[in-house]
Protein backbone atom coordinates (compact mmCIF):
# COMPACT_ATOMS: atom_id res chain seq x y z
CA MET A 1 0.04 -0.33 0.15
CA SER A 2 1.54 3.82 -0.56
CA GLY A 3 -0.26 7.06 -0.56
CA SER A 4 0.02 10.60 0.51
CA ASP A 5 0.24 10.42 3.53
CA HIS A 6 3.83 7.56 3.21
CA THR A 7 2.17 5.13 4.98
CA HIS A 8 4.08 1.63 3.17
CA SER A 9 3.06 -2.11 3.93
CA PHE A 10 5.65 -4.42 1.87
CA ALA A 11 7.57 -7.27 3.28
CA ALA A 12 11.65 -7.57 2.96
CA PRO A 13 14.30 -10.04 4.48
CA LEU A 14 16.22 -9.60 7.71
CA PHE A 15 19.38 -9.18 7.35
CA LYS A 16 22.88 -8.69 8.84
CA LEU A 17 25.26 -5.94 8.91
CA GLU A 18 28.75 -7.17 10.18
CA LYS A 19 31.06 -4.30 8.36
CA GLY A 20 33.65 -2.90 10.60
CA PHE A 21 31.98 -1.73 14.05
CA ALA A 22 28.98 -1.81 12.79
CA ARG A 23 26.59 -5.22 13.76
CA HIS A 24 23.68 -5.58 13.79
CA HIS A 25 20.03 -6.92 12.48
CA TYR A 26 18.12 -4.46 9.64
CA VAL A 27 15.24 -4.42 7.09
CA PRO A 28 16.09 -3.03 4.18
CA ILE A 29 13.24 -0.05 2.71
CA PRO A 30 12.68 -0.57 -1.31
CA MET A 31 14.08 2.31 -2.66
CA ASP A 32 11.46 3.75 -3.79
CA ILE A 33 9.86 4.78 -0.78
CA ALA A 34 12.57 5.73 0.35
CA ASP A 35 13.05 8.50 -1.78
CA GLU A 36 9.64 9.61 -0.80
CA LEU A 37 10.62 9.28 2.19
CA ARG A 38 13.37 11.24 2.51
CA ASP A 39 12.06 13.63 -0.53
CA ALA A 40 9.02 14.57 2.29
CA GLY A 41 12.11 14.97 5.25
CA ILE A 42 11.31 11.72 6.63
CA ARG A 43 13.50 10.05 9.29
CA ARG A 44 11.62 8.82 12.21
CA VAL A 45 9.28 6.34 11.46
CA ILE A 46 6.40 3.78 12.70
CA VAL A 47 7.52 0.09 11.91
CA GLU A 48 5.34 -2.31 12.48
CA LEU A 49 7.39 -5.38 11.41
CA ASN A 50 4.96 -8.68 12.06
CA GLY A 51 2.58 -6.74 14.20
CA ARG A 52 4.62 -5.06 16.19
CA GLU A 53 5.57 -1.44 16.42
CA TYR A 54 7.96 -0.14 16.96
CA ARG A 55 9.06 3.19 16.78
CA ARG A 56 12.42 3.64 14.77
CA ALA A 57 15.14 6.38 12.56
CA ILE A 58 15.51 5.25 8.96
CA MET A 59 19.45 4.92 8.64
CA GLY A 60 20.71 5.40 5.70
CA ARG A 61 24.33 3.63 3.92
CA LYS A 62 27.16 4.96 1.41
CA ASP A 63 25.70 3.31 -1.34
CA GLY A 64 22.21 4.77 -1.15
CA GLU A 65 20.57 1.78 0.90
CA ARG A 66 18.03 2.70 3.35
CA TYR A 67 17.18 0.48 6.66
CA VAL A 68 15.26 0.09 9.82
CA VAL A 69 17.66 -1.48 12.67
CA VAL A 70 16.04 -4.67 14.32
CA SER A 71 17.58 -5.55 17.65
CA LYS A 72 17.48 -9.14 19.21
CA GLU A 73 14.77 -8.77 21.62
CA MET A 74 12.58 -7.09 18.80
CA MET A 75 13.47 -10.46 16.62
CA ARG A 76 12.82 -12.06 19.90
CA GLU A 77 9.50 -10.55 19.63
CA ILE A 78 8.31 -10.87 16.49
CA GLU A 79 9.13 -14.40 15.86
CA ALA A 80 12.24 -14.07 13.24
CA ALA A 81 15.30 -14.30 12.31
CA TYR A 82 17.91 -14.04 10.15
CA GLY A 83 17.32 -14.74 6.07
CA ASP A 84 13.23 -14.51 7.25
CA THR A 85 10.68 -11.96 5.41
CA VAL A 86 8.93 -10.25 7.81
CA LEU A 87 5.80 -8.36 6.61
CA VAL A 88 6.52 -4.75 7.48
CA ASP A 89 4.40 -1.14 7.14
CA LEU A 90 6.20 1.76 7.39
CA ARG A 91 4.50 4.97 8.09
CA PRO A 92 5.39 8.57 9.76
CA ASP A 93 6.21 8.84 13.01
CA PRO A 94 3.83 11.55 14.24
CA ASP A 95 6.11 13.22 17.51
CA PRO A 96 10.23 12.30 15.78
CA ASP A 97 11.02 14.90 18.66
CA ARG A 98 9.26 11.56 21.29
CA VAL A 99 12.14 9.61 23.56
CA GLU A 100 11.05 6.65 25.45
CA LEU A 101 13.01 6.22 28.55
CA CYS A 102 14.04 3.03 30.63
CA GLU A 103 12.46 3.41 34.71
CA GLU A 104 16.09 2.88 35.59
CA LEU A 105 16.69 6.08 33.91
CA VAL A 106 13.55 8.26 34.03
CA ALA A 107 13.86 6.71 38.43
CA THR A 108 17.17 8.62 38.35
CA LEU A 109 16.83 11.97 36.67
CA ASP A 110 13.36 12.59 38.78
CA GLN A 111 15.91 12.18 42.15
CA ASP A 112 18.64 14.64 40.51
CA LYS A 113 17.74 17.78 39.72
CA LYS A 114 20.30 18.66 37.99
CA ALA A 115 21.11 15.82 35.62
CA GLY A 116 17.24 15.91 35.07
CA GLU A 117 18.15 19.79 33.60
CA ARG A 118 21.07 18.74 31.82
CA PHE A 119 19.62 15.94 30.40
CA TYR A 120 16.60 17.05 29.46
CA GLY A 121 18.41 20.34 28.00
CA LYS A 122 19.74 18.18 25.33
CA THR A 123 18.11 16.86 21.77
CA PRO A 124 16.09 13.71 21.15
CA GLY A 125 18.61 12.26 19.81
CA MET A 126 21.76 12.63 22.38
CA GLN A 127 18.53 12.11 24.35
CA ARG A 128 18.07 8.19 22.89
CA SER A 129 21.69 7.81 22.84
CA LEU A 130 22.17 8.35 26.80
CA ASN A 131 19.57 6.10 27.26
CA LEU A 132 19.84 3.27 25.45
CA TYR A 133 23.48 3.20 27.18
CA VAL A 134 21.72 2.35 30.12
CA SER A 135 19.22 0.69 29.07
CA GLY A 136 20.99 -1.76 26.87
CA ALA A 137 22.03 -3.84 29.76
CA LYS A 138 20.18 -6.24 30.39
CA ARG A 139 20.48 -6.74 34.12
CA THR A 140 18.40 -3.89 36.60
CA GLU A 141 21.41 -3.57 38.58
CA THR A 142 24.11 -2.66 35.36
CA ARG A 143 20.74 -0.48 34.09
CA ILE A 144 20.59 1.01 37.81
CA LYS A 145 24.41 1.34 38.10
CA ARG A 146 24.53 3.45 33.97
CA ALA A 147 22.02 4.82 35.05
CA LEU A 148 23.81 6.79 38.91
CA GLU A 149 26.94 6.72 36.43
CA LEU A 150 25.29 8.97 33.79
CA ALA A 151 23.31 11.29 36.00
CA HIS A 152 27.36 12.07 37.67
CA LYS A 153 28.53 12.87 34.89
CA LEU A 154 25.86 14.71 33.36
CA ARG A 155 26.29 16.85 37.60
CA THR A 156 29.43 16.94 37.17
CA ASN A 157 29.39 18.21 33.52
CA THR A 158 31.90 14.91 32.25
CA LEU A 159 29.86 13.55 29.94
CA TYR A 160 32.54 12.53 26.82
CA GLY A 161 32.26 16.54 25.30
CA ASP A 162 31.80 18.36 27.73
CA ARG A 163 34.08 21.58 28.38
CA GLN A 164 35.17 22.12 31.25
CA ASN A 165 33.29 25.59 31.18
CA ASP A 166 30.07 23.84 30.75
CA GLY A 167 27.66 24.63 33.04
């Protein structure tokens, strides 16, 4: 299905990218659909894979291919493996700046007001990256430890990229 609302449905294989530091599974977006979304300025989408919805960014490779990253957790949820064909429904994210945070990070930022202020002052993309560092841990204890480390770095301006005089 394709329409002026930039909603599309298609079937696509689940591939694995293993190049340099990039190692992940992904679903390629057909070039005509990718071009339409790019031309419309759409960079974040709601992707439905085998009936399960996820908020994702459209990623690109140097060769021009556009794709959506699929995590191992997503693969388990949609019951798919490398090489399987999945059913894809793709539509623009109506709230592209929305950032879903893990509960450990939310609780830590609620308790550490200065860290929370610095965190929420960052771009949505940076917030997603910092959350991924915390939420990527399998164990709750590790997520709590990472959230506390991150809050300390935010509060003390020692996060990678901070300058000594940042406030």
